[in-house]
Amino acid sequence: MTHKCPCVRLALYEGPERAYLLHDPQSCPAAASGAVYDRRVHLAYVLAGQGHRPHWLAQFTALPLAAAQRIAEAASPAPRPH
């Protein structure tokens, strides 16, 4: 089974949409090919996992709100079947 580091596709500011790593590449044994690491994206992902809301994440990390919303969605635990 191959490990794939989690990433999310984002368009930051006026740049093109691309894949951003959600974990620190040093902690990931197989960083996604072509994915970019941005400290603010990683920080937003960690903070979203702690329950912070997208509006706050956007302000705190200086990321666009749309990016903060996608990062928060990626950090949400998957719903478990009953």
N, C-alpha and C. Protein backbone atom coordinates (compact mmCIF):
# COMPACT_ATOMS: atom_id res chain seq x y z
N MET A 1 0.85 -1.18 0.00
CA MET A 1 0.00 0.00 0.00
C MET A 1 0.89 1.24 0.00
N THR A 2 0.61 2.19 -0.88
CA THR A 2 1.41 3.39 -1.01
C THR A 2 0.83 4.52 -0.18
N HIS A 3 1.70 5.20 0.53
CA HIS A 3 1.28 6.35 1.34
C HIS A 3 1.21 7.58 0.45
N LYS A 4 0.14 8.36 0.60
CA LYS A 4 0.01 9.61 -0.14
C LYS A 4 -0.21 10.73 0.88
N CYS A 5 0.67 11.71 0.87
CA CYS A 5 0.54 12.83 1.80
C CYS A 5 -0.68 13.66 1.44
N PRO A 6 -1.45 14.09 2.45
CA PRO A 6 -2.65 14.86 2.15
C PRO A 6 -2.30 16.24 1.58
N CYS A 7 -3.07 16.64 0.59
CA CYS A 7 -2.90 17.96 0.01
C CYS A 7 -4.27 18.47 -0.43
N VAL A 8 -4.34 19.75 -0.72
CA VAL A 8 -5.58 20.38 -1.16
C VAL A 8 -5.23 21.35 -2.28
N ARG A 9 -6.12 21.44 -3.26
CA ARG A 9 -5.89 22.36 -4.37
C ARG A 9 -6.44 23.73 -3.99
N LEU A 10 -5.57 24.75 -4.10
CA LEU A 10 -5.93 26.11 -3.74
C LEU A 10 -5.41 27.09 -4.77
N ALA A 11 -6.10 28.20 -4.89
CA ALA A 11 -5.60 29.34 -5.66
C ALA A 11 -5.37 30.45 -4.64
N LEU A 12 -4.11 30.74 -4.36
CA LEU A 12 -3.80 31.77 -3.39
C LEU A 12 -3.59 33.09 -4.10
N TYR A 13 -4.42 34.05 -3.74
CA TYR A 13 -4.37 35.40 -4.31
C TYR A 13 -4.55 35.34 -5.82
N GLU A 14 -3.69 35.91 -6.59
CA GLU A 14 -3.85 35.94 -8.04
C GLU A 14 -3.13 34.79 -8.73
N GLY A 15 -2.55 33.89 -7.97
CA GLY A 15 -1.80 32.77 -8.55
C GLY A 15 -2.71 31.68 -9.08
N PRO A 16 -2.12 30.74 -9.82
CA PRO A 16 -2.90 29.63 -10.37
C PRO A 16 -3.27 28.63 -9.27
N GLU A 17 -4.28 27.84 -9.53
CA GLU A 17 -4.64 26.78 -8.58
C GLU A 17 -3.58 25.69 -8.66
N ARG A 18 -3.14 25.23 -7.48
CA ARG A 18 -2.15 24.16 -7.43
C ARG A 18 -2.36 23.37 -6.15
N ALA A 19 -1.71 22.24 -6.07
CA ALA A 19 -1.80 21.39 -4.88
C ALA A 19 -0.84 21.90 -3.82
N TYR A 20 -1.35 22.01 -2.59
CA TYR A 20 -0.54 22.42 -1.44
C TYR A 20 -0.55 21.29 -0.42
N LEU A 21 0.62 20.96 0.09
CA LEU A 21 0.73 19.95 1.15
C LEU A 21 0.08 20.48 2.42
N LEU A 22 -0.60 19.60 3.15
CA LEU A 22 -1.21 19.98 4.42
C LEU A 22 -0.31 19.64 5.59
N HIS A 23 0.64 18.77 5.39
CA HIS A 23 1.59 18.38 6.44
C HIS A 23 2.97 18.91 6.09
N ASP A 24 3.80 19.01 7.08
CA ASP A 24 5.19 19.40 6.87
C ASP A 24 5.86 18.33 6.01
N PRO A 25 6.52 18.70 4.91
CA PRO A 25 7.12 17.69 4.04
C PRO A 25 8.18 16.84 4.73
N GLN A 26 8.80 17.35 5.80
CA GLN A 26 9.79 16.55 6.53
C GLN A 26 9.15 15.44 7.34
N SER A 27 7.86 15.59 7.66
CA SER A 27 7.17 14.56 8.44
C SER A 27 6.43 13.57 7.55
N CYS A 28 6.44 13.81 6.27
CA CYS A 28 5.71 12.96 5.33
C CYS A 28 6.71 12.11 4.55
N PRO A 29 6.60 10.79 4.63
CA PRO A 29 7.59 9.93 3.98
C PRO A 29 7.57 9.99 2.46
N ALA A 30 6.46 10.43 1.88
CA ALA A 30 6.37 10.46 0.41
C ALA A 30 5.61 11.71 -0.01
N ALA A 31 6.27 12.86 0.02
CA ALA A 31 5.60 14.12 -0.34
C ALA A 31 5.00 14.01 -1.73
N ALA A 32 3.79 14.52 -1.85
CA ALA A 32 3.06 14.44 -3.12
C ALA A 32 3.86 15.10 -4.24
N SER A 33 3.95 14.42 -5.33
CA SER A 33 4.68 14.91 -6.48
C SER A 33 4.05 16.20 -6.99
N GLY A 34 4.84 17.25 -7.07
CA GLY A 34 4.37 18.51 -7.59
C GLY A 34 3.63 19.38 -6.60
N ALA A 35 3.35 18.87 -5.40
CA ALA A 35 2.65 19.67 -4.41
C ALA A 35 3.62 20.66 -3.76
N VAL A 36 3.10 21.82 -3.42
CA VAL A 36 3.88 22.90 -2.85
C VAL A 36 3.64 22.95 -1.35
N TYR A 37 4.69 23.27 -0.59
CA TYR A 37 4.53 23.46 0.86
C TYR A 37 4.53 24.95 1.15
N ASP A 38 3.52 25.40 1.89
CA ASP A 38 3.42 26.78 2.33
C ASP A 38 3.12 26.74 3.83
N ARG A 39 3.95 27.41 4.61
CA ARG A 39 3.79 27.38 6.08
C ARG A 39 2.41 27.86 6.52
N ARG A 40 1.86 28.85 5.83
CA ARG A 40 0.55 29.38 6.23
C ARG A 40 -0.56 28.35 5.99
N VAL A 41 -0.45 27.59 4.91
CA VAL A 41 -1.44 26.54 4.63
C VAL A 41 -1.34 25.46 5.70
N HIS A 42 -0.13 25.06 6.03
CA HIS A 42 0.07 24.04 7.07
C HIS A 42 -0.47 24.54 8.42
N LEU A 43 -0.15 25.79 8.77
CA LEU A 43 -0.63 26.36 10.03
C LEU A 43 -2.15 26.41 10.06
N ALA A 44 -2.77 26.85 8.98
CA ALA A 44 -4.23 26.91 8.92
C ALA A 44 -4.84 25.52 9.08
N TYR A 45 -4.20 24.51 8.49
CA TYR A 45 -4.69 23.14 8.60
C TYR A 45 -4.63 22.65 10.05
N VAL A 46 -3.53 22.91 10.71
CA VAL A 46 -3.38 22.50 12.11
C VAL A 46 -4.41 23.21 12.98
N LEU A 47 -4.55 24.52 12.79
CA LEU A 47 -5.51 25.30 13.59
C LEU A 47 -6.96 24.91 13.28
N ALA A 48 -7.25 24.61 12.03
CA ALA A 48 -8.60 24.16 11.68
C ALA A 48 -8.90 22.83 12.36
N GLY A 49 -7.90 21.97 12.45
CA GLY A 49 -8.08 20.70 13.14
C GLY A 49 -8.36 20.87 14.63
N GLN A 50 -7.97 22.03 15.17
CA GLN A 50 -8.24 22.34 16.57
C GLN A 50 -9.59 23.05 16.75
N GLY A 51 -10.31 23.25 15.64
CA GLY A 51 -11.65 23.80 15.73
C GLY A 51 -11.80 25.27 15.33
N HIS A 52 -10.74 25.91 14.87
CA HIS A 52 -10.86 27.31 14.48
C HIS A 52 -11.65 27.43 13.18
N ARG A 53 -12.43 28.47 13.08
CA ARG A 53 -13.32 28.69 11.94
C ARG A 53 -12.59 29.38 10.78
N PRO A 54 -13.08 29.16 9.54
CA PRO A 54 -12.42 29.72 8.36
C PRO A 54 -12.19 31.23 8.39
N HIS A 55 -13.16 32.01 8.86
CA HIS A 55 -12.96 33.47 8.88
C HIS A 55 -11.77 33.84 9.76
N TRP A 56 -11.68 33.21 10.92
CA TRP A 56 -10.56 33.49 11.82
C TRP A 56 -9.25 33.02 11.19
N LEU A 57 -9.27 31.84 10.58
CA LEU A 57 -8.06 31.30 9.93
C LEU A 57 -7.57 32.25 8.84
N ALA A 58 -8.49 32.79 8.04
CA ALA A 58 -8.11 33.71 6.97
C ALA A 58 -7.44 34.95 7.53
N GLN A 59 -7.99 35.49 8.60
CA GLN A 59 -7.39 36.68 9.21
C GLN A 59 -6.04 36.37 9.84
N PHE A 60 -5.97 35.28 10.58
CA PHE A 60 -4.75 34.95 11.33
C PHE A 60 -3.58 34.58 10.41
N THR A 61 -3.87 33.89 9.32
CA THR A 61 -2.81 33.42 8.44
C THR A 61 -2.62 34.28 7.19
N ALA A 62 -3.49 35.27 7.00
CA ALA A 62 -3.45 36.14 5.82
C ALA A 62 -3.67 35.35 4.53
N LEU A 63 -4.49 34.31 4.61
CA LEU A 63 -4.87 33.54 3.43
C LEU A 63 -6.24 34.02 2.96
N PRO A 64 -6.54 33.86 1.69
CA PRO A 64 -7.89 34.20 1.21
C PRO A 64 -8.94 33.34 1.91
N LEU A 65 -10.12 33.92 2.11
CA LEU A 65 -11.18 33.20 2.81
C LEU A 65 -11.53 31.89 2.10
N ALA A 66 -11.60 31.89 0.78
CA ALA A 66 -11.93 30.67 0.05
C ALA A 66 -10.91 29.57 0.33
N ALA A 67 -9.64 29.93 0.43
CA ALA A 67 -8.59 28.95 0.74
C ALA A 67 -8.77 28.43 2.16
N ALA A 68 -9.04 29.34 3.10
CA ALA A 68 -9.24 28.93 4.50
C ALA A 68 -10.43 27.99 4.62
N GLN A 69 -11.47 28.23 3.85
CA GLN A 69 -12.64 27.35 3.89
C GLN A 69 -12.30 25.95 3.38
N ARG A 70 -11.54 25.87 2.29
CA ARG A 70 -11.16 24.55 1.75
C ARG A 70 -10.23 23.82 2.71
N ILE A 71 -9.33 24.55 3.35
CA ILE A 71 -8.42 23.94 4.31
C ILE A 71 -9.21 23.42 5.50
N ALA A 72 -10.17 24.19 5.99
CA ALA A 72 -11.00 23.76 7.12
C ALA A 72 -11.79 22.51 6.76
N GLU A 73 -12.30 22.45 5.53
CA GLU A 73 -13.01 21.24 5.08
C GLU A 73 -12.09 20.03 5.08
N ALA A 74 -10.85 20.24 4.63
CA ALA A 74 -9.88 19.13 4.59
C ALA A 74 -9.51 18.68 5.99
N ALA A 75 -9.56 19.59 6.96
CA ALA A 75 -9.19 19.25 8.34
C ALA A 75 -10.33 18.61 9.11
N SER A 76 -11.55 18.70 8.58
CA SER A 76 -12.70 18.12 9.28
C SER A 76 -12.62 16.60 9.22
N PRO A 77 -12.88 15.96 10.36
CA PRO A 77 -12.87 14.50 10.33
C PRO A 77 -13.99 13.98 9.44
N ALA A 78 -13.72 12.90 8.76
CA ALA A 78 -14.72 12.28 7.91
C ALA A 78 -15.85 11.74 8.77
N PRO A 79 -17.09 11.92 8.33
CA PRO A 79 -18.20 11.38 9.12
C PRO A 79 -18.14 9.86 9.18
N ARG A 80 -18.42 9.34 10.33
CA ARG A 80 -18.38 7.88 10.53
C ARG A 80 -19.77 7.29 10.32
N PRO A 81 -19.85 6.16 9.65
CA PRO A 81 -21.16 5.52 9.47
C PRO A 81 -21.67 5.02 10.82
N HIS A 82 -22.97 5.05 10.99
CA HIS A 82 -23.57 4.60 12.26
C HIS A 82 -23.71 3.11 12.31
